[in-house]
């Protein structure tokens, strides 16, 4: 469980870095969040 939490934190930080470093449209933000959630689900599987 600790490893999963660490991975979630890492993914969250990665998303935050991408959002901060780019000026994204609402659609881009939605796509980024959806992709991150998909990646998390794949990691948990």
C-alpha atoms as a PDB file:
ATOM      1  CA  UNK A   1       0.000   0.000   0.000  1.00  0.00           C
ATOM      2  CA  UNK A   2       2.870   2.353   0.771  1.00  0.00           C
ATOM      3  CA  UNK A   3       4.287   1.841  -2.721  1.00  0.00           C
ATOM      4  CA  UNK A   4       0.913   2.628  -4.287  1.00  0.00           C
ATOM      5  CA  UNK A   5       0.653   5.818  -2.255  1.00  0.00           C
ATOM      6  CA  UNK A   6       4.128   6.836  -3.355  1.00  0.00           C
ATOM      7  CA  UNK A   7       3.191   6.196  -6.981  1.00  0.00           C
ATOM      8  CA  UNK A   8       0.022   8.285  -6.615  1.00  0.00           C
ATOM      9  CA  UNK A   9       2.080  11.147  -5.203  1.00  0.00           C
ATOM     10  CA  UNK A  10       4.568  10.803  -8.028  1.00  0.00           C
ATOM     11  CA  UNK A  11       1.825  10.827 -10.672  1.00  0.00           C
ATOM     12  CA  UNK A  12       0.166  13.810  -9.012  1.00  0.00           C
ATOM     13  CA  UNK A  13       3.432  15.726  -9.015  1.00  0.00           C
ATOM     14  CA  UNK A  14       3.987  14.830 -12.651  1.00  0.00           C
ATOM     15  CA  UNK A  15       0.569  16.166 -13.599  1.00  0.00           C
ATOM     16  CA  UNK A  16       1.142  19.341 -11.601  1.00  0.00           C
ATOM     17  CA  UNK A  17       4.466  19.936 -13.336  1.00  0.00           C
ATOM     18  CA  UNK A  18       2.840  19.525 -16.744  1.00  0.00           C
ATOM     19  CA  UNK A  19      -0.003  21.893 -15.882  1.00  0.00           C
ATOM     20  CA  UNK A  20       2.354  24.516 -14.509  1.00  0.00           C
ATOM     21  CA  UNK A  21       4.801  24.305 -17.404  1.00  0.00           C
ATOM     22  CA  UNK A  22       2.141  24.589 -20.134  1.00  0.00           C
ATOM     23  CA  UNK A  23      -0.727  26.894 -20.775  1.00  0.00           C
ATOM     24  CA  UNK A  24      -3.442  24.335 -21.345  1.00  0.00           C
ATOM     25  CA  UNK A  25      -6.971  24.759 -22.600  1.00  0.00           C
ATOM     26  CA  UNK A  26      -9.839  23.259 -20.627  1.00  0.00           C
ATOM     27  CA  UNK A  27      -9.899  20.339 -23.055  1.00  0.00           C
ATOM     28  CA  UNK A  28      -6.148  19.808 -22.581  1.00  0.00           C
ATOM     29  CA  UNK A  29      -6.576  19.839 -18.799  1.00  0.00           C
ATOM     30  CA  UNK A  30      -9.411  17.307 -19.023  1.00  0.00           C
ATOM     31  CA  UNK A  31      -7.385  15.046 -21.308  1.00  0.00           C
ATOM     32  CA  UNK A  32      -4.349  15.224 -19.022  1.00  0.00           C
ATOM     33  CA  UNK A  33      -6.412  14.311 -15.972  1.00  0.00           C
ATOM     34  CA  UNK A  34      -8.169  11.468 -17.785  1.00  0.00           C
ATOM     35  CA  UNK A  35      -4.845  10.067 -18.999  1.00  0.00           C
ATOM     36  CA  UNK A  36      -3.365  10.279 -15.506  1.00  0.00           C
ATOM     37  CA  UNK A  37      -6.340   8.425 -14.043  1.00  0.00           C
ATOM     38  CA  UNK A  38      -6.043   5.784 -16.757  1.00  0.00           C
ATOM     39  CA  UNK A  39      -2.343   5.367 -15.957  1.00  0.00           C
ATOM     40  CA  UNK A  40      -3.164   4.988 -12.276  1.00  0.00           C
ATOM     41  CA  UNK A  41      -5.819   2.350 -12.985  1.00  0.00           C
ATOM     42  CA  UNK A  42      -3.358   0.403 -15.144  1.00  0.00           C
ATOM     43  CA  UNK A  43      -0.756   0.581 -12.380  1.00  0.00           C
ATOM     44  CA  UNK A  44      -3.237  -0.746  -9.824  1.00  0.00           C
ATOM     45  CA  UNK A  45      -4.285  -3.670 -12.061  1.00  0.00           C
END
